[in-house]
C-alpha atoms as a PDB file:
ATOM      1  CA  MET A   1      16.166   5.071  -5.712  1.00  0.00           C
ATOM      2  CA  SER A   2      16.885   1.277  -3.782  1.00  0.00           C
ATOM      3  CA  ALA A   3      15.523   0.690   0.079  1.00  0.00           C
ATOM      4  CA  ALA A   4      19.443   1.367   1.208  1.00  0.00           C
ATOM      5  CA  GLU A   5      18.636   5.253   0.071  1.00  0.00           C
ATOM      6  CA  ASP A   6      15.037   5.336   1.098  1.00  0.00           C
ATOM      7  CA  PRO A   7      14.488   2.918   3.338  1.00  0.00           C
ATOM      8  CA  HIS A   8      10.660   4.209   3.177  1.00  0.00           C
ATOM      9  CA  GLU A   9      10.342   1.817  -0.075  1.00  0.00           C
ATOM     10  CA  ALA A  10      11.499  -1.075   2.388  1.00  0.00           C
ATOM     11  CA  VAL A  11       8.023  -1.503   4.177  1.00  0.00           C
ATOM     12  CA  GLY A  12       6.386  -4.501   1.954  1.00  0.00           C
ATOM     13  CA  ALA A  13      10.498  -6.319   1.980  1.00  0.00           C
ATOM     14  CA  TYR A  14      10.165  -6.176   6.020  1.00  0.00           C
ATOM     15  CA  VAL A  15       6.826  -6.923   6.624  1.00  0.00           C
ATOM     16  CA  LEU A  16       6.739 -10.376   4.694  1.00  0.00           C
ATOM     17  CA  HIS A  17      10.570 -10.896   6.138  1.00  0.00           C
ATOM     18  CA  ALA A  18      11.382 -11.160   2.244  1.00  0.00           C
ATOM     19  CA  LEU A  19      14.715  -8.473   2.860  1.00  0.00           C
ATOM     20  CA  PRO A  20      18.553  -9.894   3.201  1.00  0.00           C
ATOM     21  CA  PRO A  21      19.799  -9.868   7.120  1.00  0.00           C
ATOM     22  CA  GLU A  22      21.727  -6.875   6.579  1.00  0.00           C
ATOM     23  CA  GLU A  23      18.784  -4.569   4.754  1.00  0.00           C
ATOM     24  CA  ALA A  24      16.222  -5.874   7.814  1.00  0.00           C
ATOM     25  CA  ALA A  25      18.410  -4.910  10.232  1.00  0.00           C
ATOM     26  CA  ALA A  26      18.934  -1.320   9.374  1.00  0.00           C
ATOM     27  CA  PHE A  27      15.012  -1.080   8.812  1.00  0.00           C
ATOM     28  CA  ALA A  28      14.424  -2.556  11.526  1.00  0.00           C
ATOM     29  CA  THR A  29      16.520   0.721  13.299  1.00  0.00           C
ATOM     30  CA  HIS A  30      15.417   3.079  10.425  1.00  0.00           C
ATOM     31  CA  LEU A  31      11.473   1.995  12.384  1.00  0.00           C
ATOM     32  CA  ALA A  32      12.562   2.019  15.982  1.00  0.00           C
ATOM     33  CA  GLY A  33      12.223   6.622  14.882  1.00  0.00           C
ATOM     34  CA  CYS A  34       9.987   6.594  11.832  1.00  0.00           C
ATOM     35  CA  ASP A  35       6.630   6.623  12.880  1.00  0.00           C
ATOM     36  CA  ALA A  36       4.804   6.666   9.489  1.00  0.00           C
ATOM     37  CA  CYS A  37       6.488   3.301   8.665  1.00  0.00           C
ATOM     38  CA  THR A  38       6.061   2.231  12.231  1.00  0.00           C
ATOM     39  CA  ARG A  39       1.743   2.853  11.192  1.00  0.00           C
ATOM     40  CA  GLU A  40       2.411   1.382   7.579  1.00  0.00           C
ATOM     41  CA  VAL A  41       4.012  -2.164   9.353  1.00  0.00           C
ATOM     42  CA  ALA A  42       0.898  -2.635  11.045  1.00  0.00           C
ATOM     43  CA  ASP A  43      -0.911  -1.890   8.668  1.00  0.00           C
ATOM     44  CA  LEU A  44       0.482  -3.997   5.962  1.00  0.00           C
ATOM     45  CA  GLU A  45       1.200  -6.588   9.245  1.00  0.00           C
ATOM     46  CA  ALA A  46      -2.752  -6.879   9.770  1.00  0.00           C
ATOM     47  CA  THR A  47      -3.710  -7.210   5.527  1.00  0.00           C
ATOM     48  CA  VAL A  48      -1.185 -10.340   5.736  1.00  0.00           C
ATOM     49  CA  ALA A  49      -2.729 -12.002   9.157  1.00  0.00           C
ATOM     50  CA  CYS A  50      -5.799 -11.799   6.878  1.00  0.00           C
ATOM     51  CA  LEU A  51      -5.194 -12.735   3.967  1.00  0.00           C
ATOM     52  CA  ALA A  52      -2.918 -15.809   6.023  1.00  0.00           C
ATOM     53  CA  ASP A  53      -6.555 -16.508   7.516  1.00  0.00           C
ATOM     54  CA  ALA A  54      -8.027 -16.698   4.252  1.00  0.00           C
ATOM     55  CA  GLU A  55      -9.028 -19.987   2.765  1.00  0.00           C
ATOM     56  CA  ALA A  56     -10.600 -21.765  -0.558  1.00  0.00           C
ATOM     57  CA  VAL A  57     -13.701 -22.768  -0.678  1.00  0.00           C
ATOM     58  CA  THR A  58     -15.170 -24.565  -3.684  1.00  0.00           C
ATOM     59  CA  PRO A  59     -18.609 -22.040  -5.080  1.00  0.00           C
ATOM     60  CA  PRO A  60     -22.385 -24.286  -5.210  1.00  0.00           C
ATOM     61  CA  GLU A  61     -22.195 -25.954  -8.741  1.00  0.00           C
ATOM     62  CA  ALA A  62     -25.367 -23.773  -9.451  1.00  0.00           C
ATOM     63  CA  LEU A  63     -23.409 -20.592  -8.511  1.00  0.00           C
ATOM     64  CA  ARG A  64     -20.204 -22.049 -11.082  1.00  0.00           C
ATOM     65  CA  ARG A  65     -22.264 -22.570 -13.578  1.00  0.00           C
ATOM     66  CA  ARG A  66     -24.443 -18.913 -13.350  1.00  0.00           C
ATOM     67  CA  VAL A  67     -20.754 -17.311 -13.662  1.00  0.00           C
ATOM     68  CA  LEU A  68     -19.903 -19.750 -16.587  1.00  0.00           C
ATOM     69  CA  ASP A  69     -22.709 -19.572 -18.179  1.00  0.00           C
ATOM     70  CA  ARG A  70     -22.702 -15.758 -17.664  1.00  0.00           C
ATOM     71  CA  ILE A  71     -19.121 -15.615 -19.238  1.00  0.00           C
ATOM     72  CA  ALA A  72     -19.680 -17.373 -22.380  1.00  0.00           C
ATOM     73  CA  THR A  73     -22.576 -14.832 -23.694  1.00  0.00           C
ATOM     74  CA  THR A  74     -20.139 -12.237 -22.007  1.00  0.00           C
ATOM     75  CA  ALA A  75     -18.337  -9.804 -25.688  1.00  0.00           C
ATOM     76  CA  GLN A  76     -15.373  -9.562 -24.974  1.00  0.00           C
ATOM     77  CA  GLU A  77     -13.064  -6.276 -25.561  1.00  0.00           C
ATOM     78  CA  GLN A  78     -11.277  -6.728 -28.279  1.00  0.00           C
ATOM     79  CA  LEU A  79      -7.599  -5.217 -28.154  1.00  0.00           C
ATOM     80  CA  LEU A  80      -6.406  -2.269 -30.350  1.00  0.00           C
ATOM     81  CA  ARG A  81      -4.300  -3.019 -33.191  1.00  0.00           C
ATOM     82  CA  ARG A  82      -1.136  -0.919 -33.182  1.00  0.00           C
ATOM     83  CA  GLU A  83       0.449   0.207 -36.260  1.00  0.00           C
ATOM     84  CA  PRO A  84       4.090  -1.801 -36.370  1.00  0.00           C
ATOM     85  CA  SER A  85       7.062   0.877 -36.211  1.00  0.00           C
ATOM     86  CA  ARG A  86      10.140   0.357 -38.010  1.00  0.00           C
ATOM     87  CA  ARG A  87      11.465  -0.563 -34.699  1.00  0.00           C
ATOM     88  CA  ASP A  88       9.560  -3.468 -34.482  1.00  0.00           C
ATOM     89  CA  GLY A  89      11.078  -4.744 -37.986  1.00  0.00           C
ATOM     90  CA  PRO A  90       9.107  -6.773 -40.471  1.00  0.00           C
ATOM     91  CA  ARG A  91       5.742  -7.747 -39.819  1.00  0.00           C
ATOM     92  CA  LEU A  92       5.546 -11.862 -40.620  1.00  0.00           C
ATOM     93  CA  ASP A  93       1.793 -13.136 -40.839  1.00  0.00           C
ATOM     94  CA  LEU A  94       2.011 -16.360 -40.380  1.00  0.00           C
ATOM     95  CA  GLU A  95      -1.170 -18.777 -40.259  1.00  0.00           C
ATOM     96  CA  VAL A  96      -1.188 -21.297 -37.675  1.00  0.00           C
END
């Protein structure tokens, strides 16, 4: 189902100004009569404003080192290997 078929699906794109002009106008018309979308637009606009205000900071060197040390000593989960299906075609084990 597309945003044209269900205007509720266009809320995020509308807030981010990512809709083509004709779809934005159609959504604005829908928005005038839809309390649920009006609330969701307000919530998303507040979230976007918070994200826009966020700024990257460099962590203190001691914190950075502790995090990297922990990463280096933390066991990683192993991916489950699945048996290839016929649809996968022949399996080639290549040495790299």
